[in-house]
N, C-alpha and C. Protein backbone atom coordinates (compact mmCIF):
# COMPACT_ATOMS: atom_id res chain seq x y z
N MET A 1 -17.54 48.54 -13.63
CA MET A 1 -17.26 47.67 -14.83
C MET A 1 -17.89 48.49 -16.05
N ASP A 2 -17.12 48.55 -17.06
CA ASP A 2 -17.72 49.17 -18.26
C ASP A 2 -18.41 48.13 -19.18
N PHE A 3 -19.10 48.60 -20.18
CA PHE A 3 -19.95 47.68 -20.98
C PHE A 3 -19.05 46.92 -21.94
N VAL A 4 -17.88 47.47 -22.28
CA VAL A 4 -17.06 46.75 -23.24
C VAL A 4 -16.55 45.42 -22.59
N SER A 5 -16.28 45.39 -21.31
CA SER A 5 -15.62 44.24 -20.69
C SER A 5 -16.78 43.17 -20.28
N ALA A 6 -18.00 43.55 -20.28
CA ALA A 6 -19.12 42.64 -19.86
C ALA A 6 -19.09 41.37 -20.67
N PRO A 7 -19.16 41.45 -22.04
CA PRO A 7 -19.20 40.26 -22.84
C PRO A 7 -17.98 39.32 -22.64
N VAL A 8 -16.87 39.94 -22.43
CA VAL A 8 -15.61 39.15 -22.18
C VAL A 8 -15.77 38.32 -20.91
N LEU A 9 -16.33 38.94 -19.89
CA LEU A 9 -16.49 38.17 -18.65
C LEU A 9 -17.56 37.01 -18.85
N GLU A 10 -18.66 37.29 -19.64
CA GLU A 10 -19.61 36.29 -19.85
C GLU A 10 -18.97 35.13 -20.72
N ASN A 11 -18.20 35.51 -21.69
CA ASN A 11 -17.53 34.49 -22.49
C ASN A 11 -16.48 33.67 -21.64
N SER A 12 -15.78 34.38 -20.74
CA SER A 12 -14.79 33.73 -19.92
C SER A 12 -15.48 32.66 -19.00
N GLY A 13 -16.70 32.98 -18.54
CA GLY A 13 -17.43 32.04 -17.68
C GLY A 13 -17.80 30.76 -18.53
N THR A 14 -18.14 30.92 -19.80
CA THR A 14 -18.42 29.85 -20.73
C THR A 14 -17.11 29.01 -20.93
N VAL A 15 -16.00 29.69 -21.14
CA VAL A 15 -14.79 29.07 -21.30
C VAL A 15 -14.42 28.33 -20.10
N PHE A 16 -14.57 28.89 -18.91
CA PHE A 16 -14.21 28.17 -17.63
C PHE A 16 -15.13 26.87 -17.54
N ARG A 17 -16.41 27.00 -17.88
CA ARG A 17 -17.25 25.85 -17.73
C ARG A 17 -16.83 24.78 -18.81
N ALA A 18 -16.42 25.18 -19.93
CA ALA A 18 -16.01 24.19 -20.91
C ALA A 18 -14.70 23.44 -20.43
N ARG A 19 -13.78 24.25 -19.89
CA ARG A 19 -12.51 23.72 -19.45
C ARG A 19 -12.86 22.77 -18.23
N GLU A 20 -13.73 23.19 -17.36
CA GLU A 20 -14.09 22.36 -16.19
C GLU A 20 -14.73 21.08 -16.66
N GLN A 21 -15.57 21.20 -17.64
CA GLN A 21 -16.25 19.97 -18.17
C GLN A 21 -15.23 19.01 -18.82
N ARG A 22 -14.35 19.62 -19.60
CA ARG A 22 -13.26 18.70 -20.28
C ARG A 22 -12.41 18.00 -19.14
N LEU A 23 -12.02 18.74 -18.07
CA LEU A 23 -11.25 18.09 -17.06
C LEU A 23 -12.06 17.06 -16.34
N ARG A 24 -13.33 17.26 -16.14
CA ARG A 24 -14.20 16.37 -15.49
C ARG A 24 -14.26 14.98 -16.31
N VAL A 25 -14.38 15.14 -17.60
CA VAL A 25 -14.42 13.99 -18.46
C VAL A 25 -13.06 13.18 -18.45
N VAL A 26 -11.98 14.05 -18.51
CA VAL A 26 -10.67 13.39 -18.41
C VAL A 26 -10.47 12.66 -17.00
N TYR A 27 -10.90 13.30 -16.01
CA TYR A 27 -10.78 12.72 -14.68
C TYR A 27 -11.53 11.45 -14.54
N ASP A 28 -12.84 11.45 -14.97
CA ASP A 28 -13.71 10.32 -14.87
C ASP A 28 -13.17 9.11 -15.72
N ALA A 29 -12.58 9.44 -16.80
CA ALA A 29 -12.12 8.38 -17.68
C ALA A 29 -10.78 7.73 -17.25
N ASN A 30 -9.96 8.52 -16.47
CA ASN A 30 -8.66 7.98 -16.19
C ASN A 30 -8.23 7.92 -14.77
N ALA A 31 -8.99 8.50 -13.83
CA ALA A 31 -8.61 8.62 -12.38
C ALA A 31 -8.36 7.22 -11.80
N GLY A 32 -9.25 6.33 -12.05
CA GLY A 32 -9.15 4.92 -11.46
C GLY A 32 -7.88 4.20 -11.92
N ALA A 33 -7.64 4.31 -13.18
CA ALA A 33 -6.42 3.66 -13.70
C ALA A 33 -5.20 4.25 -13.24
N LEU A 34 -5.31 5.68 -13.18
CA LEU A 34 -4.06 6.40 -12.73
C LEU A 34 -3.76 6.06 -11.28
N LEU A 35 -4.80 6.02 -10.41
CA LEU A 35 -4.62 5.69 -9.03
C LEU A 35 -4.03 4.29 -8.83
N ARG A 36 -4.52 3.39 -9.61
CA ARG A 36 -3.93 2.00 -9.51
C ARG A 36 -2.44 2.06 -9.89
N TYR A 37 -2.18 2.68 -11.01
CA TYR A 37 -0.84 2.84 -11.49
C TYR A 37 0.07 3.49 -10.46
N LEU A 38 -0.38 4.59 -9.84
CA LEU A 38 0.43 5.23 -8.84
C LEU A 38 0.58 4.45 -7.58
N ARG A 39 -0.36 3.64 -7.20
CA ARG A 39 -0.27 2.80 -5.98
C ARG A 39 0.89 1.77 -6.28
N ARG A 40 0.85 1.29 -7.43
CA ARG A 40 2.00 0.37 -7.76
C ARG A 40 3.38 0.99 -7.70
N LEU A 41 3.46 2.16 -8.34
CA LEU A 41 4.75 2.90 -8.33
C LEU A 41 5.18 3.30 -6.97
N THR A 42 4.21 3.59 -6.03
CA THR A 42 4.58 3.96 -4.67
C THR A 42 4.55 2.83 -3.69
N TYR A 43 4.62 1.64 -4.27
CA TYR A 43 4.68 0.44 -3.36
C TYR A 43 3.44 0.43 -2.47
N ASP A 44 2.32 0.74 -3.10
CA ASP A 44 1.04 0.58 -2.41
C ASP A 44 0.88 1.47 -1.21
N GLN A 45 1.34 2.70 -1.33
CA GLN A 45 1.25 3.67 -0.24
C GLN A 45 0.05 4.61 -0.70
N PRO A 46 -1.18 4.37 -0.14
CA PRO A 46 -2.31 5.04 -0.71
C PRO A 46 -2.28 6.61 -0.55
N GLU A 47 -1.64 7.10 0.43
CA GLU A 47 -1.59 8.62 0.66
C GLU A 47 -0.72 9.13 -0.43
N SER A 48 0.45 8.54 -0.59
CA SER A 48 1.33 9.07 -1.70
C SER A 48 0.70 9.00 -3.08
N ALA A 49 0.10 7.87 -3.36
CA ALA A 49 -0.60 7.67 -4.62
C ALA A 49 -1.69 8.75 -4.87
N GLU A 50 -2.45 9.02 -3.78
CA GLU A 50 -3.58 10.01 -3.91
C GLU A 50 -2.96 11.41 -4.15
N ASP A 51 -1.94 11.75 -3.44
CA ASP A 51 -1.26 13.01 -3.53
C ASP A 51 -0.80 13.20 -4.96
N LEU A 52 -0.20 12.15 -5.54
CA LEU A 52 0.46 12.24 -6.86
C LEU A 52 -0.73 12.30 -7.81
N LEU A 53 -1.85 11.65 -7.64
CA LEU A 53 -3.01 11.73 -8.55
C LEU A 53 -3.47 13.14 -8.49
N GLN A 54 -3.64 13.74 -7.31
CA GLN A 54 -4.08 15.18 -7.24
C GLN A 54 -3.10 16.12 -7.97
N GLU A 55 -1.87 15.87 -7.81
CA GLU A 55 -0.89 16.75 -8.47
C GLU A 55 -0.93 16.58 -10.03
N THR A 56 -1.14 15.33 -10.40
CA THR A 56 -1.34 15.00 -11.84
C THR A 56 -2.45 15.78 -12.45
N MET A 57 -3.69 15.71 -11.74
CA MET A 57 -4.84 16.34 -12.27
C MET A 57 -4.72 17.87 -12.19
N LEU A 58 -3.96 18.36 -11.23
CA LEU A 58 -3.73 19.77 -11.10
C LEU A 58 -2.92 20.18 -12.27
N ARG A 59 -1.97 19.52 -12.69
CA ARG A 59 -1.13 19.78 -13.94
C ARG A 59 -2.09 19.77 -15.19
N ALA A 60 -2.99 18.71 -15.18
CA ALA A 60 -3.89 18.66 -16.33
C ALA A 60 -4.87 19.88 -16.37
N TRP A 61 -5.24 20.34 -15.19
CA TRP A 61 -6.07 21.53 -15.14
C TRP A 61 -5.33 22.74 -15.67
N ARG A 62 -4.10 22.89 -15.24
CA ARG A 62 -3.29 24.06 -15.68
C ARG A 62 -3.07 24.00 -17.17
N LYS A 63 -3.02 22.87 -17.78
CA LYS A 63 -2.71 22.66 -19.22
C LYS A 63 -3.91 22.19 -20.01
N VAL A 64 -5.18 22.34 -19.42
CA VAL A 64 -6.36 21.79 -20.07
C VAL A 64 -6.45 22.22 -21.54
N ASP A 65 -6.10 23.42 -21.82
CA ASP A 65 -6.25 23.83 -23.18
C ASP A 65 -5.19 23.30 -24.13
N GLU A 66 -4.03 22.78 -23.57
CA GLU A 66 -3.02 22.23 -24.32
C GLU A 66 -2.95 20.66 -24.34
N LEU A 67 -3.95 20.09 -23.65
CA LEU A 67 -4.05 18.64 -23.62
C LEU A 67 -4.25 18.07 -25.14
N PRO A 68 -3.63 17.00 -25.38
CA PRO A 68 -3.77 16.45 -26.73
C PRO A 68 -5.18 15.99 -27.03
N SER A 69 -5.60 16.03 -28.24
CA SER A 69 -6.97 15.56 -28.51
C SER A 69 -6.96 14.05 -28.64
N GLY A 70 -7.99 13.44 -28.35
CA GLY A 70 -8.09 11.94 -28.37
C GLY A 70 -7.89 11.44 -26.98
N ALA A 71 -8.74 10.44 -26.63
CA ALA A 71 -8.75 9.78 -25.26
C ALA A 71 -7.38 9.19 -24.97
N GLU A 72 -6.90 8.44 -25.86
CA GLU A 72 -5.68 7.64 -25.75
C GLU A 72 -4.50 8.60 -25.61
N SER A 73 -4.39 9.66 -26.33
CA SER A 73 -3.34 10.60 -26.22
C SER A 73 -3.30 11.31 -24.88
N VAL A 74 -4.48 11.69 -24.41
CA VAL A 74 -4.73 12.34 -23.14
C VAL A 74 -4.23 11.35 -22.02
N ARG A 75 -4.66 10.00 -22.21
CA ARG A 75 -4.24 9.08 -21.24
C ARG A 75 -2.75 8.91 -21.12
N ARG A 76 -2.10 8.76 -22.29
CA ARG A 76 -0.68 8.70 -22.29
C ARG A 76 -0.04 9.93 -21.64
N TRP A 77 -0.50 11.12 -21.90
CA TRP A 77 0.05 12.36 -21.31
C TRP A 77 -0.11 12.30 -19.84
N LEU A 78 -1.30 11.83 -19.29
CA LEU A 78 -1.48 11.78 -17.87
C LEU A 78 -0.53 10.77 -17.25
N PHE A 79 -0.41 9.62 -17.87
CA PHE A 79 0.58 8.58 -17.29
C PHE A 79 1.96 9.07 -17.26
N THR A 80 2.36 9.79 -18.25
CA THR A 80 3.68 10.32 -18.37
C THR A 80 3.94 11.31 -17.29
N VAL A 81 2.96 12.19 -17.09
CA VAL A 81 3.04 13.19 -15.96
C VAL A 81 3.17 12.55 -14.61
N ALA A 82 2.24 11.55 -14.44
CA ALA A 82 2.18 10.82 -13.16
C ALA A 82 3.58 10.09 -12.88
N ARG A 83 4.08 9.50 -13.92
CA ARG A 83 5.41 8.81 -13.79
C ARG A 83 6.46 9.82 -13.46
N ASN A 84 6.49 10.96 -14.12
CA ASN A 84 7.52 11.91 -13.78
C ASN A 84 7.36 12.52 -12.45
N LEU A 85 6.13 12.75 -11.99
CA LEU A 85 5.98 13.27 -10.65
C LEU A 85 6.38 12.19 -9.56
N THR A 86 6.19 10.97 -9.87
CA THR A 86 6.61 9.88 -8.99
C THR A 86 8.10 9.81 -8.82
N ILE A 87 8.72 9.99 -10.06
CA ILE A 87 10.24 9.95 -10.10
C ILE A 87 10.75 11.16 -9.26
N ASP A 88 10.10 12.30 -9.43
CA ASP A 88 10.56 13.43 -8.58
C ASP A 88 10.32 13.26 -7.20
N ALA A 89 9.21 12.60 -6.79
CA ALA A 89 8.88 12.37 -5.44
C ALA A 89 9.96 11.38 -4.77
N VAL A 90 10.35 10.38 -5.52
CA VAL A 90 11.25 9.46 -5.09
C VAL A 90 12.64 10.05 -4.89
N ARG A 91 13.07 10.93 -5.90
CA ARG A 91 14.31 11.61 -5.74
C ARG A 91 14.38 12.55 -4.55
N ALA A 92 13.17 13.24 -4.25
CA ALA A 92 13.12 14.12 -3.08
C ALA A 92 13.19 13.26 -1.86
N ARG A 93 12.56 12.14 -1.80
CA ARG A 93 12.56 11.33 -0.61
C ARG A 93 13.91 10.74 -0.41
N LEU A 94 14.62 10.36 -1.43
CA LEU A 94 15.92 9.76 -1.33
C LEU A 94 17.01 10.80 -0.89
N ALA A 95 16.65 12.10 -1.16
CA ALA A 95 17.61 13.16 -0.80
C ALA A 95 17.51 13.50 0.65
N ARG A 96 16.37 13.12 1.22
CA ARG A 96 16.22 13.30 2.76
C ARG A 96 16.68 12.08 3.45
N PRO A 97 17.28 12.20 4.67
CA PRO A 97 17.62 11.06 5.42
C PRO A 97 16.31 10.32 5.83
N SER A 98 16.44 9.00 5.98
CA SER A 98 15.36 8.16 6.46
C SER A 98 15.12 8.36 7.85
N GLU A 99 13.82 8.34 8.20
CA GLU A 99 13.50 8.51 9.65
C GLU A 99 13.61 7.09 10.36
N PHE A 100 13.68 6.09 9.68
CA PHE A 100 13.76 4.78 10.31
C PHE A 100 15.14 4.22 10.09
N ASP A 101 15.70 3.72 11.18
CA ASP A 101 17.04 3.16 11.11
C ASP A 101 16.91 1.68 10.89
N TRP A 102 17.15 1.21 9.53
CA TRP A 102 17.15 -0.18 9.29
C TRP A 102 18.08 -0.98 10.02
N ASP A 103 19.21 -0.36 10.41
CA ASP A 103 20.23 -1.20 11.11
C ASP A 103 19.76 -1.57 12.46
N ASP A 104 18.71 -1.01 12.98
CA ASP A 104 18.30 -1.28 14.29
C ASP A 104 17.05 -2.19 14.31
N LEU A 105 16.94 -3.11 13.44
CA LEU A 105 15.80 -3.98 13.35
C LEU A 105 15.76 -4.89 14.66
N THR A 106 16.77 -5.10 15.37
CA THR A 106 16.85 -6.07 16.43
C THR A 106 15.99 -5.55 17.66
N GLN A 107 15.63 -4.26 17.62
CA GLN A 107 14.82 -3.75 18.74
C GLN A 107 13.43 -4.20 18.69
N PHE A 108 12.98 -4.78 17.57
CA PHE A 108 11.64 -5.25 17.45
C PHE A 108 11.55 -6.74 17.69
N PRO A 109 10.67 -7.24 18.55
CA PRO A 109 10.54 -8.66 18.76
C PRO A 109 9.80 -9.19 17.56
N MET A 110 10.41 -10.13 16.88
CA MET A 110 9.81 -10.72 15.65
C MET A 110 10.07 -12.24 15.62
N ALA A 111 9.21 -12.94 14.91
CA ALA A 111 9.42 -14.33 14.72
C ALA A 111 10.44 -14.45 13.67
N ASP A 112 11.17 -15.57 13.52
CA ASP A 112 12.23 -15.75 12.60
C ASP A 112 11.75 -15.49 11.18
N ASP A 113 10.64 -16.12 10.84
CA ASP A 113 10.11 -15.99 9.46
C ASP A 113 9.69 -14.48 9.12
N THR A 114 9.19 -13.82 10.03
CA THR A 114 8.88 -12.39 9.91
C THR A 114 10.15 -11.62 9.71
N LEU A 115 11.14 -11.86 10.49
CA LEU A 115 12.41 -11.19 10.32
C LEU A 115 12.99 -11.53 8.93
N ASP A 116 12.93 -12.70 8.51
CA ASP A 116 13.44 -13.12 7.19
C ASP A 116 12.79 -12.38 6.17
N ARG A 117 11.43 -12.22 6.25
CA ARG A 117 10.64 -11.54 5.27
C ARG A 117 11.00 -10.06 5.27
N ALA A 118 11.21 -9.51 6.46
CA ALA A 118 11.56 -8.07 6.59
C ALA A 118 12.96 -7.80 5.94
N LEU A 119 13.89 -8.74 6.18
CA LEU A 119 15.19 -8.61 5.61
C LEU A 119 15.19 -8.74 4.08
N THR A 120 14.37 -9.68 3.63
CA THR A 120 14.31 -9.98 2.24
C THR A 120 13.74 -8.75 1.52
N ARG A 121 12.65 -8.18 2.09
CA ARG A 121 11.99 -6.95 1.54
C ARG A 121 13.08 -5.80 1.56
N ARG A 122 13.75 -5.70 2.56
CA ARG A 122 14.74 -4.59 2.69
C ARG A 122 15.77 -4.79 1.64
N THR A 123 16.26 -6.02 1.39
CA THR A 123 17.29 -6.27 0.45
C THR A 123 16.74 -6.02 -0.95
N VAL A 124 15.47 -6.37 -1.25
CA VAL A 124 14.95 -6.13 -2.58
C VAL A 124 14.72 -4.52 -2.69
N ASP A 125 14.24 -3.93 -1.68
CA ASP A 125 14.09 -2.40 -1.77
C ASP A 125 15.36 -1.78 -2.00
N ASP A 126 16.39 -2.28 -1.26
CA ASP A 126 17.79 -1.70 -1.55
C ASP A 126 18.24 -1.86 -2.94
N ALA A 127 17.98 -3.01 -3.55
CA ALA A 127 18.35 -3.30 -4.88
C ALA A 127 17.54 -2.39 -5.85
N LEU A 128 16.24 -2.22 -5.63
CA LEU A 128 15.44 -1.38 -6.45
C LEU A 128 15.81 0.07 -6.31
N ARG A 129 16.28 0.53 -5.17
CA ARG A 129 16.67 1.94 -4.99
C ARG A 129 17.93 2.21 -5.80
N ARG A 130 18.76 1.17 -6.10
CA ARG A 130 19.99 1.46 -6.84
C ARG A 130 19.70 1.66 -8.32
N LEU A 131 18.46 1.31 -8.79
CA LEU A 131 18.09 1.49 -10.17
C LEU A 131 17.75 2.94 -10.47
N THR A 132 17.97 3.19 -11.69
CA THR A 132 17.44 4.56 -12.18
C THR A 132 15.93 4.48 -12.05
N PRO A 133 15.31 5.75 -11.92
CA PRO A 133 13.85 5.72 -11.76
C PRO A 133 13.15 5.05 -13.02
N GLU A 134 13.70 5.22 -14.19
CA GLU A 134 13.14 4.65 -15.33
C GLU A 134 13.14 3.08 -15.27
N HIS A 135 14.29 2.59 -14.89
CA HIS A 135 14.44 1.06 -14.78
C HIS A 135 13.49 0.53 -13.63
N ARG A 136 13.49 1.34 -12.58
CA ARG A 136 12.60 0.85 -11.44
C ARG A 136 11.09 0.82 -11.87
N ALA A 137 10.67 1.89 -12.65
CA ALA A 137 9.33 2.01 -13.09
C ALA A 137 8.97 0.76 -13.99
N VAL A 138 9.84 0.37 -14.87
CA VAL A 138 9.65 -0.74 -15.79
C VAL A 138 9.48 -1.99 -14.94
N LEU A 139 10.32 -2.26 -14.05
CA LEU A 139 10.24 -3.46 -13.22
C LEU A 139 8.89 -3.40 -12.36
N VAL A 140 8.55 -2.31 -11.86
CA VAL A 140 7.28 -2.26 -11.08
C VAL A 140 6.07 -2.60 -12.03
N HIS A 141 6.12 -2.01 -13.20
CA HIS A 141 5.03 -2.31 -14.11
C HIS A 141 5.00 -3.77 -14.53
N LEU A 142 6.13 -4.28 -14.90
CA LEU A 142 6.14 -5.67 -15.52
C LEU A 142 5.94 -6.74 -14.39
N TYR A 143 6.51 -6.57 -13.24
CA TYR A 143 6.55 -7.69 -12.24
C TYR A 143 5.58 -7.42 -11.05
N TYR A 144 5.26 -6.14 -10.75
CA TYR A 144 4.37 -6.00 -9.57
C TYR A 144 2.95 -5.83 -10.11
N ARG A 145 2.87 -5.14 -11.28
CA ARG A 145 1.54 -4.84 -11.90
C ARG A 145 1.20 -6.01 -12.86
N ASP A 146 2.17 -6.79 -13.25
CA ASP A 146 2.05 -7.84 -14.14
C ASP A 146 1.46 -7.35 -15.44
N ALA A 147 1.88 -6.21 -15.92
CA ALA A 147 1.46 -5.57 -17.11
C ALA A 147 2.24 -6.10 -18.27
N PRO A 148 1.60 -6.27 -19.49
CA PRO A 148 2.32 -6.69 -20.67
C PRO A 148 3.22 -5.57 -21.18
N VAL A 149 4.29 -5.91 -21.92
CA VAL A 149 5.22 -4.93 -22.42
C VAL A 149 4.53 -3.83 -23.24
N SER A 150 3.56 -4.25 -24.03
CA SER A 150 2.87 -3.22 -24.92
C SER A 150 2.18 -2.14 -24.01
N GLU A 151 1.54 -2.63 -22.96
CA GLU A 151 0.79 -1.59 -22.04
C GLU A 151 1.87 -0.69 -21.40
N VAL A 152 2.98 -1.23 -20.96
CA VAL A 152 3.98 -0.49 -20.31
C VAL A 152 4.56 0.56 -21.23
N ALA A 153 4.77 0.09 -22.41
CA ALA A 153 5.36 0.97 -23.47
C ALA A 153 4.35 2.15 -23.80
N ALA A 154 3.09 1.85 -23.82
CA ALA A 154 2.15 2.84 -24.11
C ALA A 154 2.01 3.78 -22.99
N ASP A 155 2.04 3.29 -21.77
CA ASP A 155 1.87 4.14 -20.54
C ASP A 155 3.10 5.10 -20.38
N MET A 156 4.31 4.51 -20.70
CA MET A 156 5.47 5.35 -20.55
C MET A 156 5.86 6.14 -21.79
N GLY A 157 5.22 5.87 -22.86
CA GLY A 157 5.43 6.64 -24.04
C GLY A 157 6.76 6.38 -24.76
N VAL A 158 7.22 5.09 -24.68
CA VAL A 158 8.43 4.69 -25.28
C VAL A 158 8.20 3.38 -26.16
N PRO A 159 9.13 3.05 -27.08
CA PRO A 159 8.89 1.84 -27.86
C PRO A 159 9.05 0.59 -27.06
N HIS A 160 8.46 -0.49 -27.59
CA HIS A 160 8.50 -1.78 -26.87
C HIS A 160 9.90 -2.26 -26.61
N GLY A 161 10.80 -1.99 -27.56
CA GLY A 161 12.20 -2.45 -27.39
C GLY A 161 12.85 -1.74 -26.16
N THR A 162 12.52 -0.53 -26.01
CA THR A 162 13.09 0.25 -24.93
C THR A 162 12.67 -0.38 -23.53
N ILE A 163 11.45 -0.76 -23.57
CA ILE A 163 10.96 -1.40 -22.27
C ILE A 163 11.67 -2.75 -22.06
N ARG A 164 11.90 -3.51 -23.15
CA ARG A 164 12.57 -4.83 -22.94
C ARG A 164 14.00 -4.62 -22.47
N SER A 165 14.63 -3.60 -23.08
CA SER A 165 16.05 -3.30 -22.86
C SER A 165 16.16 -2.84 -21.40
N ARG A 166 15.20 -1.89 -21.00
CA ARG A 166 15.34 -1.39 -19.54
C ARG A 166 15.06 -2.64 -18.57
N ALA A 167 14.15 -3.43 -18.92
CA ALA A 167 13.84 -4.63 -18.00
C ALA A 167 15.16 -5.46 -17.88
N PHE A 168 15.77 -5.76 -19.05
CA PHE A 168 16.94 -6.58 -19.02
C PHE A 168 18.11 -5.96 -18.16
N TYR A 169 18.37 -4.73 -18.37
CA TYR A 169 19.45 -4.07 -17.65
C TYR A 169 19.04 -3.86 -16.13
N ALA A 170 17.71 -3.60 -15.85
CA ALA A 170 17.41 -3.44 -14.54
C ALA A 170 17.52 -4.81 -13.74
N LEU A 171 17.05 -5.86 -14.41
CA LEU A 171 17.21 -7.20 -13.81
C LEU A 171 18.60 -7.60 -13.60
N ARG A 172 19.40 -7.31 -14.55
CA ARG A 172 20.89 -7.57 -14.38
C ARG A 172 21.43 -6.79 -13.22
N THR A 173 21.07 -5.61 -13.05
CA THR A 173 21.59 -4.77 -11.91
C THR A 173 21.12 -5.35 -10.59
N VAL A 174 19.86 -5.64 -10.53
CA VAL A 174 19.32 -6.25 -9.28
C VAL A 174 19.99 -7.65 -9.02
N ARG A 175 20.12 -8.40 -9.99
CA ARG A 175 20.78 -9.72 -9.85
C ARG A 175 22.24 -9.53 -9.28
N GLU A 176 23.03 -8.68 -9.92
CA GLU A 176 24.38 -8.36 -9.42
C GLU A 176 24.41 -7.82 -8.02
N PHE A 177 23.44 -6.96 -7.65
CA PHE A 177 23.44 -6.48 -6.29
C PHE A 177 23.05 -7.58 -5.30
N LEU A 178 22.12 -8.45 -5.70
CA LEU A 178 21.74 -9.57 -4.81
C LEU A 178 22.81 -10.57 -4.64
N GLU A 179 23.64 -10.82 -5.75
CA GLU A 179 24.65 -11.77 -5.64
C GLU A 179 25.82 -11.17 -4.77
N ARG A 180 26.06 -9.90 -4.84
CA ARG A 180 27.02 -9.32 -3.97
C ARG A 180 26.67 -9.30 -2.51
N ASP A 181 25.39 -9.12 -2.34
CA ASP A 181 24.82 -9.10 -0.94
C ASP A 181 24.88 -10.42 -0.33
N ASP A 182 24.88 -11.54 -1.08
CA ASP A 182 24.91 -12.88 -0.56
C ASP A 182 26.36 -13.34 -0.13
N THR A 183 27.29 -12.70 -0.69
CA THR A 183 28.64 -13.11 -0.30
C THR A 183 29.14 -12.50 0.98
N PRO A 184 29.69 -13.33 1.86
CA PRO A 184 30.06 -12.84 3.10
C PRO A 184 31.24 -11.94 3.17
């Protein structure tokens, strides 16, 4: 090692520690809320939510020097990245064939009410899968998370009116699907 590069290495250690400290602050301030958000988006699948949280934080680490200034701006950036990663994961999962054959539910001994709940959940899941990822995310936020429109708009980085519009069209699509599903 020559003497000219020594100060650069020392400075890069300082830069690394500063980046690490910034990411630690970002993680501590946002990880809990991000994990709750991702659990709702992944229908309460903890492993998927944790994987998506790790991937979100990895993206933040890679872009730590480019993160916006201000806690709220960073939070919005993180939630946008998390939402986009969730959408990508759903698309990837839907592109692969399901390992479980829903048509073969009769092989499981179930009480009638349990079967009804399973069929209802399947019907609702089918309806939600027909939505665009953006519409599905809005419904999950508003109805599963019970989040106000203003919070959903802030998390998704879009205007309030866009959230209301997406909710309207998503509910209309779900309603049409369910009405078609009820007809013999």
